[in-house]
Structures are given as C-alpha cells and as structure tokens.
Amino acid sequence: MPKMKTHRGTKKRMALTGSGKVMRMKGHRGHNKMKKNKRQLFAMGDMHPVASRGYRKMVRKLLPYGTGR
C-alpha cells in the first residue's frame, strides 16, 4: 500500500503535540497588522487546542504522520 500524503494546508495551520493534542492558530492573522492593537497582536502569536472532537478527528486524518509545526 502506498504512503498517505499529508494535507499541506493543514500542515501549515495546525500542529500535533507530543501528547497527541491538536493545536491551531487563531484567525485574523492577515496583512493588516498595522491597524491591530497590542492585545490582538499578542493573541495572534499563540497556538490554541482544538475543542471539537470531530474536528480533531478530521485533522488527524489530514496529518497521518503527526507532522506540523
């Protein structure tokens, strides 16, 4: 059976931790950083755990080898 391919868009946006948690970035990270206040800029830098069980399942299928940031 051939190797499964990693979904490249998911790899750039999600990460799997060593303990198996699925982490995601918050939105609103666009080109318009000059107009954001300090609190918004700090919030953009963090990775947050995915809460939805179904969404976690989907991400694990898209990242079959645990790749990510």
N, C-alpha and C. Protein backbone atom coordinates (compact mmCIF):
# COMPACT_ATOMS: atom_id res chain seq x y z
N MET A 1 0.84 -1.18 0.00
CA MET A 1 0.00 0.00 0.00
C MET A 1 0.89 1.26 0.00
N PRO A 2 0.56 2.25 -0.84
CA PRO A 2 1.41 3.44 -0.89
C PRO A 2 1.27 4.30 0.36
N LYS A 3 2.25 5.17 0.53
CA LYS A 3 2.20 6.09 1.67
C LYS A 3 1.05 7.07 1.51
N MET A 4 0.50 7.50 2.63
CA MET A 4 -0.54 8.53 2.60
C MET A 4 0.12 9.89 2.49
N LYS A 5 -0.54 10.82 1.81
CA LYS A 5 0.01 12.16 1.68
C LYS A 5 -0.54 13.07 2.76
N THR A 6 0.33 13.93 3.27
CA THR A 6 -0.04 14.92 4.26
C THR A 6 -0.74 16.07 3.55
N HIS A 7 -1.82 16.57 4.11
CA HIS A 7 -2.52 17.73 3.55
C HIS A 7 -1.70 18.97 3.87
N ARG A 8 -1.16 19.63 2.83
CA ARG A 8 -0.20 20.69 3.02
C ARG A 8 -0.79 21.93 3.69
N GLY A 9 -2.05 22.26 3.38
CA GLY A 9 -2.67 23.41 4.01
C GLY A 9 -2.87 23.20 5.50
N THR A 10 -3.22 21.98 5.88
CA THR A 10 -3.40 21.66 7.30
C THR A 10 -2.05 21.67 8.02
N LYS A 11 -1.03 21.19 7.35
CA LYS A 11 0.30 21.16 7.96
C LYS A 11 0.79 22.57 8.31
N LYS A 12 0.42 23.55 7.48
CA LYS A 12 0.86 24.92 7.71
C LYS A 12 0.06 25.61 8.82
N ARG A 13 -1.13 25.11 9.11
CA ARG A 13 -2.01 25.81 10.05
C ARG A 13 -2.20 25.09 11.38
N MET A 14 -1.95 23.81 11.44
CA MET A 14 -2.19 23.01 12.64
C MET A 14 -0.90 22.36 13.10
N ALA A 15 -0.92 21.86 14.32
CA ALA A 15 0.23 21.12 14.84
C ALA A 15 -0.27 20.06 15.80
N LEU A 16 0.43 18.94 15.83
CA LEU A 16 0.13 17.89 16.80
C LEU A 16 1.24 17.90 17.84
N THR A 17 0.86 17.91 19.11
CA THR A 17 1.85 17.90 20.18
C THR A 17 2.31 16.47 20.43
N GLY A 18 3.31 16.32 21.26
CA GLY A 18 3.82 15.00 21.58
C GLY A 18 2.80 14.14 22.30
N SER A 19 1.91 14.76 23.07
CA SER A 19 0.90 14.00 23.79
C SER A 19 -0.34 13.74 22.94
N GLY A 20 -0.35 14.25 21.70
CA GLY A 20 -1.46 13.96 20.80
C GLY A 20 -2.50 15.05 20.67
N LYS A 21 -2.30 16.18 21.34
CA LYS A 21 -3.25 17.28 21.22
C LYS A 21 -3.13 17.93 19.85
N VAL A 22 -4.26 18.41 19.33
CA VAL A 22 -4.27 19.14 18.07
C VAL A 22 -4.31 20.62 18.41
N MET A 23 -3.32 21.36 17.92
CA MET A 23 -3.24 22.80 18.19
C MET A 23 -3.52 23.57 16.91
N ARG A 24 -4.15 24.73 17.06
CA ARG A 24 -4.48 25.56 15.91
C ARG A 24 -4.09 27.00 16.21
N MET A 25 -3.99 27.80 15.13
CA MET A 25 -3.73 29.22 15.29
C MET A 25 -5.06 29.95 15.30
N LYS A 26 -5.12 31.09 15.93
CA LYS A 26 -6.31 31.92 15.88
C LYS A 26 -6.38 32.63 14.53
N GLY A 27 -7.55 33.09 14.19
CA GLY A 27 -7.75 33.77 12.92
C GLY A 27 -7.33 35.22 12.96
N HIS A 28 -7.67 35.95 11.93
CA HIS A 28 -7.39 37.38 11.79
C HIS A 28 -5.90 37.65 11.81
N ARG A 29 -5.13 36.84 11.07
CA ARG A 29 -3.68 36.99 11.02
C ARG A 29 -3.26 37.62 9.71
N GLY A 30 -4.13 38.38 9.08
CA GLY A 30 -3.92 38.84 7.72
C GLY A 30 -2.87 39.91 7.56
N HIS A 31 -2.94 40.59 6.45
CA HIS A 31 -1.93 41.57 6.05
C HIS A 31 -2.07 42.89 6.78
N ASN A 32 -3.12 43.07 7.55
CA ASN A 32 -3.47 44.37 8.09
C ASN A 32 -2.97 44.55 9.53
N LYS A 33 -1.75 44.16 9.82
CA LYS A 33 -1.23 44.16 11.19
C LYS A 33 -1.03 45.55 11.76
N MET A 34 -0.84 46.54 10.91
CA MET A 34 -0.57 47.88 11.40
C MET A 34 -1.78 48.47 12.14
N LYS A 35 -2.97 48.00 11.83
CA LYS A 35 -4.18 48.57 12.44
C LYS A 35 -4.63 47.79 13.68
N LYS A 36 -3.92 46.73 14.05
CA LYS A 36 -4.32 45.94 15.20
C LYS A 36 -3.69 46.51 16.48
N ASN A 37 -4.41 46.36 17.58
CA ASN A 37 -3.85 46.84 18.84
C ASN A 37 -2.93 45.78 19.45
N LYS A 38 -2.27 46.11 20.54
CA LYS A 38 -1.27 45.23 21.13
C LYS A 38 -1.87 43.91 21.61
N ARG A 39 -3.06 43.97 22.19
CA ARG A 39 -3.70 42.75 22.70
C ARG A 39 -3.99 41.78 21.55
N GLN A 40 -4.47 42.29 20.43
CA GLN A 40 -4.76 41.45 19.27
C GLN A 40 -3.47 40.84 18.71
N LEU A 41 -2.39 41.61 18.68
CA LEU A 41 -1.13 41.10 18.14
C LEU A 41 -0.58 39.97 19.00
N PHE A 42 -0.68 40.09 20.34
CA PHE A 42 -0.20 39.03 21.21
C PHE A 42 -1.06 37.77 21.08
N ALA A 43 -2.36 37.95 20.89
CA ALA A 43 -3.27 36.79 20.76
C ALA A 43 -3.00 36.03 19.48
N MET A 44 -2.52 36.72 18.45
CA MET A 44 -2.28 36.06 17.17
C MET A 44 -1.11 35.09 17.23
N GLY A 45 -0.16 35.32 18.11
CA GLY A 45 1.04 34.50 18.14
C GLY A 45 0.86 33.15 18.77
N ASP A 46 -0.22 32.92 19.48
CA ASP A 46 -0.39 31.69 20.25
C ASP A 46 -1.00 30.57 19.43
N MET A 47 -0.76 29.35 19.88
CA MET A 47 -1.46 28.18 19.36
C MET A 47 -2.43 27.75 20.45
N HIS A 48 -3.64 27.39 20.06
CA HIS A 48 -4.68 27.01 21.00
C HIS A 48 -5.17 25.60 20.68
N PRO A 49 -5.55 24.82 21.69
CA PRO A 49 -6.04 23.46 21.43
C PRO A 49 -7.40 23.49 20.72
N VAL A 50 -7.62 22.50 19.88
CA VAL A 50 -8.89 22.35 19.18
C VAL A 50 -9.87 21.70 20.14
N ALA A 51 -11.05 22.30 20.30
CA ALA A 51 -12.01 21.82 21.29
C ALA A 51 -12.92 20.72 20.73
N SER A 52 -13.33 20.83 19.49
CA SER A 52 -14.31 19.92 18.92
C SER A 52 -13.70 18.55 18.63
N ARG A 53 -14.37 17.50 19.11
CA ARG A 53 -13.87 16.14 18.93
C ARG A 53 -13.86 15.74 17.46
N GLY A 54 -14.91 16.09 16.74
CA GLY A 54 -15.00 15.75 15.33
C GLY A 54 -13.93 16.44 14.50
N TYR A 55 -13.64 17.69 14.86
CA TYR A 55 -12.63 18.46 14.14
C TYR A 55 -11.24 17.87 14.39
N ARG A 56 -10.98 17.44 15.64
CA ARG A 56 -9.70 16.80 15.95
C ARG A 56 -9.51 15.53 15.11
N LYS A 57 -10.59 14.77 14.98
CA LYS A 57 -10.54 13.53 14.21
C LYS A 57 -10.19 13.82 12.75
N MET A 58 -10.80 14.85 12.20
CA MET A 58 -10.57 15.22 10.81
C MET A 58 -9.12 15.66 10.61
N VAL A 59 -8.59 16.45 11.55
CA VAL A 59 -7.21 16.93 11.41
C VAL A 59 -6.23 15.77 11.49
N ARG A 60 -6.49 14.80 12.34
CA ARG A 60 -5.59 13.65 12.45
C ARG A 60 -5.56 12.83 11.16
N LYS A 61 -6.68 12.80 10.44
CA LYS A 61 -6.68 12.11 9.15
C LYS A 61 -5.87 12.88 8.11
N LEU A 62 -5.93 14.21 8.18
CA LEU A 62 -5.20 15.03 7.22
C LEU A 62 -3.71 15.07 7.51
N LEU A 63 -3.32 14.81 8.77
CA LEU A 63 -1.92 14.76 9.17
C LEU A 63 -1.60 13.33 9.64
N PRO A 64 -1.48 12.38 8.72
CA PRO A 64 -1.36 10.98 9.13
C PRO A 64 -0.08 10.64 9.88
N TYR A 65 0.99 11.40 9.69
CA TYR A 65 2.25 11.08 10.33
C TYR A 65 2.61 12.03 11.46
N GLY A 66 1.64 12.78 11.93
CA GLY A 66 1.88 13.65 13.07
C GLY A 66 2.75 14.85 12.75
N THR A 67 2.78 15.24 11.50
CA THR A 67 3.60 16.39 11.12
C THR A 67 2.90 17.67 11.48
N GLY A 68 3.58 18.74 11.35
CA GLY A 68 3.05 20.04 11.68
C GLY A 68 4.14 20.88 12.31
N ARG A 69 3.80 22.03 12.78
CA ARG A 69 4.81 22.93 13.36
C ARG A 69 5.31 22.42 14.67
